[in-house]
């Protein structure tokens, strides 16, 4: 609800963030960028390590994705769920998509898949009685802890999608 009720940055963050300079990826909580999809931490997580896997192209519904985009998105969902489970020693994960504002999507105009790590007995009473979430780790610390697990999945600190059009620099 903080996001839904709070002030918004102009434009679509899911379109803008992965095309920004890679030096901003940590600030933007982006863990991995591929040509057709990327992974980032949720700024308003349900649990530490709550990820979002997002198609690069702006689409609000699964039916708007091409077959190749759909395959790329769900390949990254699969790989991200596996990496997340190892990174945080999760006993399970919830994977879900809220399509449309009525279904609970905070950013309904750009489709995204949530991956939330879970452990037995991980729920507490704070959200119910105090409208408050207790997070045992700050987002920047979570990003730093997860980033090494996501480097093999894409280019987490390398090139942004828009930068791929430029010739690559030679490795030193």
N, C-alpha and C. Protein backbone atom coordinates (compact mmCIF):
# COMPACT_ATOMS: atom_id res chain seq x y z
N UNK A 1 0.82 -1.19 0.00
CA UNK A 1 0.00 0.00 0.00
C UNK A 1 0.86 1.26 0.00
N UNK A 2 2.07 1.20 0.58
CA UNK A 2 2.95 2.36 0.54
C UNK A 2 3.16 2.81 -0.90
N UNK A 3 3.43 1.84 -1.79
CA UNK A 3 3.68 2.19 -3.19
C UNK A 3 2.41 2.72 -3.84
N UNK A 4 1.30 2.04 -3.63
CA UNK A 4 0.05 2.41 -4.29
C UNK A 4 -0.38 3.82 -3.89
N UNK A 5 -0.25 4.16 -2.61
CA UNK A 5 -0.68 5.47 -2.11
C UNK A 5 0.38 6.56 -2.23
N UNK A 6 1.64 6.18 -2.34
CA UNK A 6 2.74 7.14 -2.32
C UNK A 6 2.97 7.84 -3.65
N UNK A 7 3.87 8.84 -3.65
CA UNK A 7 4.19 9.55 -4.89
C UNK A 7 4.90 8.62 -5.87
N UNK A 8 4.70 8.85 -7.15
CA UNK A 8 5.28 8.00 -8.18
C UNK A 8 6.32 8.77 -8.99
N UNK A 9 7.35 8.07 -9.41
CA UNK A 9 8.29 8.64 -10.36
C UNK A 9 7.58 8.69 -11.70
N UNK A 10 7.88 9.68 -12.54
CA UNK A 10 7.23 9.73 -13.85
C UNK A 10 7.68 8.58 -14.74
N UNK A 11 6.78 8.11 -15.59
CA UNK A 11 7.11 7.04 -16.52
C UNK A 11 7.13 5.68 -15.85
N UNK A 12 7.45 4.67 -16.62
CA UNK A 12 7.46 3.29 -16.14
C UNK A 12 8.86 2.93 -15.63
N UNK A 13 8.97 2.64 -14.34
CA UNK A 13 10.27 2.29 -13.78
C UNK A 13 10.80 0.99 -14.39
N UNK A 14 9.91 0.08 -14.75
CA UNK A 14 10.35 -1.20 -15.32
C UNK A 14 10.92 -1.01 -16.73
N UNK A 15 10.52 0.04 -17.41
CA UNK A 15 11.11 0.34 -18.72
C UNK A 15 12.41 1.14 -18.54
N UNK A 16 12.41 2.06 -17.60
CA UNK A 16 13.54 2.98 -17.43
C UNK A 16 14.73 2.35 -16.71
N UNK A 17 14.50 1.66 -15.60
CA UNK A 17 15.61 1.21 -14.75
C UNK A 17 16.65 0.33 -15.45
N UNK A 18 16.26 -0.71 -16.18
CA UNK A 18 17.30 -1.55 -16.77
C UNK A 18 18.04 -0.90 -17.94
N UNK A 19 17.51 0.22 -18.46
CA UNK A 19 18.19 0.91 -19.56
C UNK A 19 19.09 2.02 -19.04
N UNK A 20 19.09 2.26 -17.74
CA UNK A 20 19.98 3.27 -17.16
C UNK A 20 21.41 2.73 -17.11
N UNK A 21 22.32 3.58 -16.74
CA UNK A 21 23.72 3.17 -16.61
C UNK A 21 23.84 2.02 -15.62
N UNK A 22 24.63 1.02 -15.94
CA UNK A 22 24.82 -0.12 -15.03
C UNK A 22 25.32 0.28 -13.64
N UNK A 23 25.97 1.43 -13.55
CA UNK A 23 26.43 1.89 -12.24
C UNK A 23 25.26 2.19 -11.30
N UNK A 24 24.07 2.33 -11.84
CA UNK A 24 22.88 2.60 -11.02
C UNK A 24 22.11 1.33 -10.66
N UNK A 25 22.55 0.17 -11.17
CA UNK A 25 21.80 -1.06 -10.94
C UNK A 25 21.65 -1.37 -9.44
N UNK A 26 22.69 -1.22 -8.66
CA UNK A 26 22.59 -1.50 -7.22
C UNK A 26 21.58 -0.56 -6.58
N UNK A 27 21.64 0.72 -6.91
CA UNK A 27 20.70 1.71 -6.39
C UNK A 27 19.26 1.36 -6.79
N UNK A 28 19.10 0.86 -8.01
CA UNK A 28 17.78 0.50 -8.52
C UNK A 28 17.38 -0.93 -8.14
N UNK A 29 18.25 -1.63 -7.42
CA UNK A 29 18.01 -2.99 -6.91
C UNK A 29 17.95 -4.03 -8.01
N UNK A 30 18.56 -3.76 -9.16
CA UNK A 30 18.59 -4.70 -10.28
C UNK A 30 19.71 -5.70 -10.07
N UNK A 31 19.37 -6.98 -10.14
CA UNK A 31 20.33 -8.06 -9.92
C UNK A 31 20.84 -8.67 -11.21
N UNK A 32 20.04 -8.69 -12.25
CA UNK A 32 20.39 -9.40 -13.47
C UNK A 32 19.62 -8.79 -14.63
N UNK A 33 20.32 -8.59 -15.75
CA UNK A 33 19.67 -8.07 -16.95
C UNK A 33 19.99 -8.99 -18.12
N UNK A 34 18.95 -9.41 -18.80
CA UNK A 34 19.07 -10.15 -20.06
C UNK A 34 18.37 -9.33 -21.13
N UNK A 35 18.48 -9.78 -22.38
CA UNK A 35 17.88 -9.03 -23.49
C UNK A 35 16.37 -8.88 -23.35
N UNK A 36 15.67 -9.95 -22.91
CA UNK A 36 14.21 -9.93 -22.88
C UNK A 36 13.59 -9.83 -21.49
N UNK A 37 14.41 -9.89 -20.44
CA UNK A 37 13.86 -9.84 -19.07
C UNK A 37 14.97 -9.47 -18.10
N UNK A 38 14.57 -9.01 -16.92
CA UNK A 38 15.54 -8.68 -15.88
C UNK A 38 14.97 -9.01 -14.51
N UNK A 39 15.85 -9.03 -13.50
CA UNK A 39 15.48 -9.37 -12.13
C UNK A 39 15.84 -8.21 -11.23
N UNK A 40 14.93 -7.87 -10.34
CA UNK A 40 15.23 -6.83 -9.35
C UNK A 40 14.55 -7.18 -8.03
N UNK A 41 15.07 -6.60 -6.96
CA UNK A 41 14.42 -6.74 -5.66
C UNK A 41 13.18 -5.87 -5.62
N UNK A 42 12.17 -6.32 -4.89
CA UNK A 42 10.97 -5.52 -4.67
C UNK A 42 11.29 -4.48 -3.60
N UNK A 43 11.00 -3.21 -3.88
CA UNK A 43 11.28 -2.13 -2.93
C UNK A 43 10.39 -2.21 -1.69
N UNK A 44 9.25 -2.87 -1.82
CA UNK A 44 8.32 -3.04 -0.70
C UNK A 44 8.08 -4.55 -0.51
N UNK A 45 9.09 -5.26 -0.02
CA UNK A 45 9.04 -6.73 0.00
C UNK A 45 8.11 -7.31 1.06
N UNK A 46 7.64 -8.52 0.77
CA UNK A 46 6.88 -9.30 1.75
C UNK A 46 7.82 -10.09 2.63
N UNK A 47 9.03 -10.35 2.14
CA UNK A 47 10.07 -11.06 2.89
C UNK A 47 11.42 -10.64 2.32
N UNK A 48 12.47 -10.76 3.10
CA UNK A 48 13.81 -10.45 2.58
C UNK A 48 14.09 -11.35 1.38
N UNK A 49 14.54 -10.74 0.29
CA UNK A 49 14.81 -11.50 -0.92
C UNK A 49 13.66 -11.55 -1.90
N UNK A 50 12.58 -10.82 -1.64
CA UNK A 50 11.41 -10.78 -2.54
C UNK A 50 11.85 -10.18 -3.87
N UNK A 51 11.81 -10.99 -4.92
CA UNK A 51 12.25 -10.60 -6.25
C UNK A 51 11.08 -10.32 -7.18
N UNK A 52 11.40 -9.58 -8.24
CA UNK A 52 10.48 -9.43 -9.36
C UNK A 52 11.25 -9.73 -10.63
N UNK A 53 10.68 -10.56 -11.49
CA UNK A 53 11.25 -10.85 -12.80
C UNK A 53 10.33 -10.15 -13.80
N UNK A 54 10.93 -9.32 -14.65
CA UNK A 54 10.16 -8.38 -15.46
C UNK A 54 10.55 -8.51 -16.94
N UNK A 55 9.56 -8.60 -17.83
CA UNK A 55 9.91 -8.57 -19.25
C UNK A 55 10.46 -7.18 -19.60
N UNK A 56 11.44 -7.13 -20.46
CA UNK A 56 12.04 -5.85 -20.84
C UNK A 56 11.05 -4.99 -21.62
N UNK A 57 10.29 -5.61 -22.51
CA UNK A 57 9.32 -4.85 -23.30
C UNK A 57 8.09 -4.55 -22.46
N UNK A 58 7.59 -3.35 -22.60
CA UNK A 58 6.41 -2.89 -21.86
C UNK A 58 5.19 -3.68 -22.32
N UNK A 59 4.63 -4.47 -21.42
CA UNK A 59 3.41 -5.25 -21.70
C UNK A 59 2.67 -5.40 -20.38
N UNK A 60 1.37 -5.33 -20.42
CA UNK A 60 0.59 -5.41 -19.18
C UNK A 60 -0.06 -6.77 -18.95
N UNK A 61 0.02 -7.66 -19.94
CA UNK A 61 -0.67 -8.94 -19.85
C UNK A 61 0.19 -10.02 -20.51
N UNK A 62 0.12 -11.23 -20.00
CA UNK A 62 0.88 -12.34 -20.58
C UNK A 62 0.59 -12.52 -22.07
N UNK A 63 -0.64 -12.29 -22.47
CA UNK A 63 -1.03 -12.46 -23.86
C UNK A 63 -0.37 -11.47 -24.81
N UNK A 64 0.20 -10.41 -24.29
CA UNK A 64 0.88 -9.42 -25.13
C UNK A 64 2.32 -9.82 -25.45
N UNK A 65 2.85 -10.80 -24.71
CA UNK A 65 4.23 -11.23 -24.95
C UNK A 65 4.29 -12.15 -26.16
N UNK A 66 5.38 -12.06 -26.92
CA UNK A 66 5.61 -13.01 -27.99
C UNK A 66 5.98 -14.35 -27.34
N UNK A 67 5.97 -15.41 -28.12
CA UNK A 67 6.36 -16.71 -27.59
C UNK A 67 7.79 -16.67 -27.08
N UNK A 68 8.67 -15.99 -27.79
CA UNK A 68 10.08 -15.89 -27.37
C UNK A 68 10.21 -15.09 -26.07
N UNK A 69 9.46 -13.99 -25.95
CA UNK A 69 9.51 -13.18 -24.72
C UNK A 69 8.96 -13.97 -23.54
N UNK A 70 7.88 -14.71 -23.76
CA UNK A 70 7.28 -15.53 -22.71
C UNK A 70 8.29 -16.58 -22.24
N UNK A 71 8.92 -17.26 -23.19
CA UNK A 71 9.91 -18.28 -22.85
C UNK A 71 11.09 -17.68 -22.09
N UNK A 72 11.56 -16.52 -22.54
CA UNK A 72 12.69 -15.87 -21.88
C UNK A 72 12.33 -15.44 -20.46
N UNK A 73 11.12 -14.90 -20.29
CA UNK A 73 10.67 -14.48 -18.97
C UNK A 73 10.62 -15.66 -18.01
N UNK A 74 9.99 -16.75 -18.43
CA UNK A 74 9.83 -17.86 -17.50
C UNK A 74 11.09 -18.70 -17.33
N UNK A 75 12.01 -18.63 -18.28
CA UNK A 75 13.33 -19.23 -18.06
C UNK A 75 14.05 -18.46 -16.96
N UNK A 76 13.93 -17.14 -16.97
CA UNK A 76 14.57 -16.34 -15.94
C UNK A 76 13.87 -16.51 -14.59
N UNK A 77 12.55 -16.71 -14.60
CA UNK A 77 11.83 -17.01 -13.36
C UNK A 77 12.36 -18.32 -12.76
N UNK A 78 12.49 -19.34 -13.59
CA UNK A 78 12.99 -20.64 -13.12
C UNK A 78 14.39 -20.50 -12.54
N UNK A 79 15.29 -19.86 -13.29
CA UNK A 79 16.67 -19.70 -12.84
C UNK A 79 16.75 -18.84 -11.58
N UNK A 80 15.93 -17.80 -11.50
CA UNK A 80 15.93 -16.91 -10.34
C UNK A 80 15.43 -17.61 -9.09
N UNK A 81 14.38 -18.40 -9.24
CA UNK A 81 13.85 -19.14 -8.08
C UNK A 81 14.91 -20.09 -7.54
N UNK A 82 15.62 -20.77 -8.43
CA UNK A 82 16.69 -21.69 -7.99
C UNK A 82 17.81 -20.94 -7.31
N UNK A 83 18.27 -19.83 -7.91
CA UNK A 83 19.35 -19.04 -7.32
C UNK A 83 18.94 -18.47 -5.97
N UNK A 84 17.70 -17.97 -5.87
CA UNK A 84 17.22 -17.38 -4.63
C UNK A 84 17.16 -18.41 -3.51
N UNK A 85 16.64 -19.60 -3.81
CA UNK A 85 16.56 -20.64 -2.79
C UNK A 85 17.94 -20.95 -2.22
N UNK A 86 18.94 -21.03 -3.07
CA UNK A 86 20.30 -21.30 -2.60
C UNK A 86 20.85 -20.11 -1.82
N UNK A 87 20.66 -18.90 -2.34
CA UNK A 87 21.22 -17.70 -1.73
C UNK A 87 20.72 -17.44 -0.32
N UNK A 88 19.43 -17.72 -0.07
CA UNK A 88 18.86 -17.41 1.24
C UNK A 88 18.47 -18.65 2.03
N UNK A 89 18.85 -19.81 1.48
CA UNK A 89 18.53 -21.08 2.13
C UNK A 89 17.02 -21.22 2.39
N UNK A 90 16.23 -20.84 1.38
CA UNK A 90 14.77 -20.90 1.50
C UNK A 90 14.30 -22.35 1.41
N UNK A 91 13.26 -22.64 2.16
CA UNK A 91 12.66 -23.97 2.13
C UNK A 91 11.64 -24.09 1.00
N UNK A 92 11.22 -22.96 0.47
CA UNK A 92 10.26 -22.93 -0.63
C UNK A 92 10.19 -21.52 -1.18
N UNK A 93 9.39 -21.34 -2.21
CA UNK A 93 9.16 -20.01 -2.78
C UNK A 93 7.71 -19.90 -3.21
N UNK A 94 7.18 -18.70 -3.12
CA UNK A 94 5.90 -18.38 -3.76
C UNK A 94 6.24 -17.67 -5.06
N UNK A 95 5.61 -18.09 -6.16
CA UNK A 95 5.79 -17.43 -7.45
C UNK A 95 4.40 -17.02 -7.92
N UNK A 96 4.24 -15.74 -8.23
CA UNK A 96 2.92 -15.28 -8.62
C UNK A 96 2.94 -14.05 -9.50
N UNK A 97 1.83 -13.87 -10.21
CA UNK A 97 1.65 -12.71 -11.09
C UNK A 97 0.30 -12.10 -10.78
N UNK A 98 0.29 -10.80 -10.53
CA UNK A 98 -0.96 -10.06 -10.36
C UNK A 98 -1.19 -9.30 -11.66
N UNK A 99 -2.13 -9.75 -12.48
CA UNK A 99 -2.40 -9.12 -13.76
C UNK A 99 -3.55 -8.14 -13.58
N UNK A 100 -3.23 -6.86 -13.66
CA UNK A 100 -4.23 -5.81 -13.51
C UNK A 100 -4.32 -5.28 -12.09
N UNK A 101 -4.74 -4.03 -11.98
CA UNK A 101 -4.87 -3.38 -10.67
C UNK A 101 -5.87 -4.10 -9.78
N UNK A 102 -6.97 -4.59 -10.37
CA UNK A 102 -7.99 -5.29 -9.58
C UNK A 102 -7.45 -6.57 -8.96
N UNK A 103 -6.40 -7.13 -9.56
CA UNK A 103 -5.79 -8.36 -9.05
C UNK A 103 -4.69 -8.06 -8.03
N UNK A 104 -4.42 -6.78 -7.79
CA UNK A 104 -3.43 -6.41 -6.79
C UNK A 104 -2.10 -5.93 -7.34
N UNK A 105 -1.99 -5.76 -8.65
CA UNK A 105 -0.73 -5.29 -9.23
C UNK A 105 -0.49 -3.84 -8.85
N UNK A 106 0.63 -3.59 -8.20
CA UNK A 106 1.00 -2.21 -7.84
C UNK A 106 1.40 -1.41 -9.05
N UNK A 107 2.05 -2.07 -10.02
CA UNK A 107 2.41 -1.45 -11.30
C UNK A 107 1.71 -2.29 -12.37
N UNK A 108 0.44 -2.01 -12.56
CA UNK A 108 -0.40 -2.83 -13.44
C UNK A 108 -0.04 -2.68 -14.91
N UNK A 109 0.54 -1.55 -15.29
CA UNK A 109 0.80 -1.31 -16.71
C UNK A 109 1.99 -2.10 -17.25
N UNK A 110 2.83 -2.68 -16.37
CA UNK A 110 3.98 -3.46 -16.84
C UNK A 110 4.01 -4.77 -16.06
N UNK A 111 3.76 -5.85 -16.76
CA UNK A 111 3.73 -7.19 -16.19
C UNK A 111 5.01 -7.50 -15.42
N UNK A 112 4.90 -8.21 -14.31
CA UNK A 112 6.06 -8.67 -13.56
C UNK A 112 5.67 -9.87 -12.72
N UNK A 113 6.65 -10.75 -12.49
CA UNK A 113 6.43 -11.98 -11.74
C UNK A 113 7.13 -11.85 -10.39
N UNK A 114 6.40 -12.13 -9.32
CA UNK A 114 6.97 -12.07 -7.97
C UNK A 114 7.52 -13.43 -7.57
N UNK A 115 8.67 -13.42 -6.93
CA UNK A 115 9.23 -14.63 -6.32
C UNK A 115 9.58 -14.27 -4.88
N UNK A 116 8.91 -14.94 -3.95
CA UNK A 116 9.09 -14.65 -2.52
C UNK A 116 9.63 -15.90 -1.83
N UNK A 117 10.81 -15.78 -1.21
CA UNK A 117 11.34 -16.94 -0.48
C UNK A 117 10.51 -17.21 0.76
N UNK A 118 10.41 -18.50 1.12
CA UNK A 118 9.59 -18.88 2.29
C UNK A 118 10.33 -19.91 3.14
N UNK A 119 10.03 -19.88 4.43
CA UNK A 119 10.55 -20.82 5.40
C UNK A 119 9.40 -21.24 6.30
N UNK A 120 9.45 -22.44 6.84
CA UNK A 120 8.40 -22.88 7.77
C UNK A 120 8.31 -21.90 8.92
N UNK A 121 7.10 -21.47 9.24
CA UNK A 121 6.88 -20.58 10.38
C UNK A 121 7.36 -19.16 10.15
N UNK A 122 7.49 -18.71 8.90
CA UNK A 122 8.04 -17.38 8.64
C UNK A 122 7.05 -16.24 8.81
N UNK A 123 5.80 -16.50 8.97
CA UNK A 123 4.82 -15.41 9.12
C UNK A 123 4.76 -14.95 10.57
N UNK A 124 4.53 -13.66 10.75
CA UNK A 124 4.36 -13.13 12.09
C UNK A 124 3.09 -12.28 12.15
N UNK A 125 2.79 -11.78 13.28
CA UNK A 125 1.53 -11.07 13.49
C UNK A 125 1.60 -9.58 13.17
N UNK A 126 2.78 -9.02 12.94
CA UNK A 126 2.92 -7.57 12.77
C UNK A 126 2.09 -7.00 11.61
N UNK A 127 2.04 -7.62 10.43
CA UNK A 127 1.23 -7.04 9.36
C UNK A 127 -0.26 -6.98 9.71
N UNK A 128 -0.71 -7.91 10.52
CA UNK A 128 -2.13 -7.98 10.85
C UNK A 128 -2.51 -6.94 11.90
N UNK A 129 -1.75 -6.84 12.99
CA UNK A 129 -2.15 -5.97 14.10
C UNK A 129 -1.60 -4.55 13.99
N UNK A 130 -0.53 -4.35 13.24
CA UNK A 130 0.09 -3.03 13.21
C UNK A 130 0.29 -2.46 11.81
N UNK A 131 -0.19 -3.14 10.76
CA UNK A 131 0.04 -2.71 9.39
C UNK A 131 1.52 -2.39 9.18
N UNK A 132 2.35 -3.31 9.65
CA UNK A 132 3.79 -3.11 9.67
C UNK A 132 4.49 -4.40 9.27
N UNK A 133 5.53 -4.29 8.44
CA UNK A 133 6.34 -5.45 8.10
C UNK A 133 7.67 -5.35 8.82
N UNK A 134 8.14 -6.45 9.33
CA UNK A 134 9.43 -6.50 9.99
C UNK A 134 10.41 -7.16 9.02
N UNK A 135 11.42 -6.40 8.59
CA UNK A 135 12.41 -6.92 7.66
C UNK A 135 13.74 -7.04 8.39
N UNK A 136 14.30 -8.24 8.45
CA UNK A 136 15.54 -8.43 9.20
C UNK A 136 16.79 -7.91 8.49
N UNK A 137 16.65 -7.40 7.26
CA UNK A 137 17.80 -6.96 6.49
C UNK A 137 17.41 -5.81 5.58
N UNK A 138 18.26 -4.79 5.52
CA UNK A 138 18.01 -3.64 4.64
C UNK A 138 18.14 -4.08 3.18
N UNK A 139 17.44 -3.37 2.29
CA UNK A 139 17.43 -3.74 0.87
C UNK A 139 18.83 -3.72 0.24
N UNK A 140 19.65 -2.73 0.59
CA UNK A 140 20.99 -2.69 -0.02
C UNK A 140 21.85 -3.86 0.45
N UNK A 141 21.66 -4.29 1.69
CA UNK A 141 22.39 -5.47 2.18
C UNK A 141 21.89 -6.74 1.49
N UNK A 142 20.58 -6.82 1.28
CA UNK A 142 20.03 -7.98 0.56
C UNK A 142 20.56 -8.01 -0.86
N UNK A 143 20.59 -6.85 -1.54
CA UNK A 143 21.11 -6.80 -2.91
C UNK A 143 22.56 -7.29 -2.93
N UNK A 144 23.38 -6.80 -2.02
CA UNK A 144 24.80 -7.20 -1.98
C UNK A 144 24.95 -8.70 -1.73
N UNK A 145 24.10 -9.25 -0.89
CA UNK A 145 24.17 -10.68 -0.58
C UNK A 145 23.71 -11.54 -1.76
N UNK A 146 22.70 -11.07 -2.51
CA UNK A 146 22.16 -11.85 -3.62
C UNK A 146 22.93 -11.69 -4.93
N UNK A 147 23.54 -10.54 -5.14
CA UNK A 147 24.20 -10.24 -6.42
C UNK A 147 25.14 -11.35 -6.90
N UNK A 148 26.00 -11.94 -6.06
CA UNK A 148 26.88 -13.00 -6.58
C UNK A 148 26.13 -14.22 -7.12
N UNK A 149 24.97 -14.50 -6.61
CA UNK A 149 24.19 -15.64 -7.06
C UNK A 149 23.50 -15.37 -8.40
N UNK A 150 23.34 -14.10 -8.74
CA UNK A 150 22.66 -13.74 -9.98
C UNK A 150 23.62 -13.38 -11.11
N UNK A 151 24.90 -13.20 -10.82
CA UNK A 151 25.88 -12.90 -11.88
C UNK A 151 25.88 -13.98 -12.96
N UNK A 152 25.81 -15.26 -12.61
CA UNK A 152 25.79 -16.28 -13.68
C UNK A 152 24.52 -16.27 -14.53
N UNK A 153 23.47 -15.61 -14.09
CA UNK A 153 22.21 -15.62 -14.82
C UNK A 153 22.12 -14.56 -15.91
N UNK A 154 22.99 -13.59 -15.89
CA UNK A 154 22.91 -12.52 -16.88
C UNK A 154 24.08 -11.59 -16.75
N UNK A 155 23.80 -10.31 -16.92
CA UNK A 155 24.83 -9.30 -16.81
C UNK A 155 24.46 -8.33 -15.70
N UNK A 156 24.52 -8.74 -14.42
CA UNK A 156 23.99 -7.92 -13.34
C UNK A 156 24.67 -6.58 -13.17
N UNK A 157 25.96 -6.49 -13.42
CA UNK A 157 26.65 -5.22 -13.27
C UNK A 157 27.36 -4.84 -14.55
N UNK A 158 26.93 -5.43 -15.66
CA UNK A 158 27.57 -5.16 -16.93
C UNK A 158 26.77 -4.12 -17.70
N UNK A 159 26.35 -4.46 -18.89
CA UNK A 159 25.69 -3.49 -19.75
C UNK A 159 24.18 -3.44 -19.53
N UNK A 160 23.63 -2.25 -19.63
CA UNK A 160 22.18 -2.09 -19.64
C UNK A 160 21.69 -2.45 -21.03
N UNK A 161 20.43 -2.85 -21.19
CA UNK A 161 19.92 -3.25 -22.50
C UNK A 161 20.16 -2.21 -23.59
N UNK A 162 19.95 -0.93 -23.31
CA UNK A 162 20.14 0.11 -24.32
C UNK A 162 21.60 0.20 -24.73
N UNK A 163 22.50 -0.08 -23.82
CA UNK A 163 23.94 0.00 -24.11
C UNK A 163 24.39 -1.13 -25.03
N UNK A 164 23.63 -2.18 -25.20
CA UNK A 164 24.04 -3.32 -26.01
C UNK A 164 24.14 -2.96 -27.49
N UNK A 165 23.51 -1.86 -27.88
CA UNK A 165 23.56 -1.46 -29.28
C UNK A 165 24.94 -0.91 -29.64
N UNK A 166 25.68 -0.43 -28.65
CA UNK A 166 27.03 0.10 -28.88
C UNK A 166 28.02 -1.05 -28.99
N UNK A 167 29.12 -0.86 -29.73
CA UNK A 167 30.13 -1.92 -29.79
C UNK A 167 30.69 -2.19 -28.40
N UNK A 168 30.92 -3.47 -28.11
CA UNK A 168 31.48 -3.85 -26.82
C UNK A 168 32.95 -3.46 -26.75
N UNK A 169 33.38 -3.09 -25.54
CA UNK A 169 34.79 -2.79 -25.32
C UNK A 169 35.54 -4.08 -25.12
N UNK A 170 36.78 -4.09 -25.56
CA UNK A 170 37.60 -5.28 -25.38
C UNK A 170 37.99 -5.44 -23.92
N UNK A 171 38.00 -6.71 -23.46
CA UNK A 171 38.42 -7.00 -22.07
C UNK A 171 39.91 -6.74 -21.96
N UNK A 172 40.31 -6.26 -20.80
CA UNK A 172 41.74 -6.00 -20.57
C UNK A 172 42.40 -7.16 -19.92
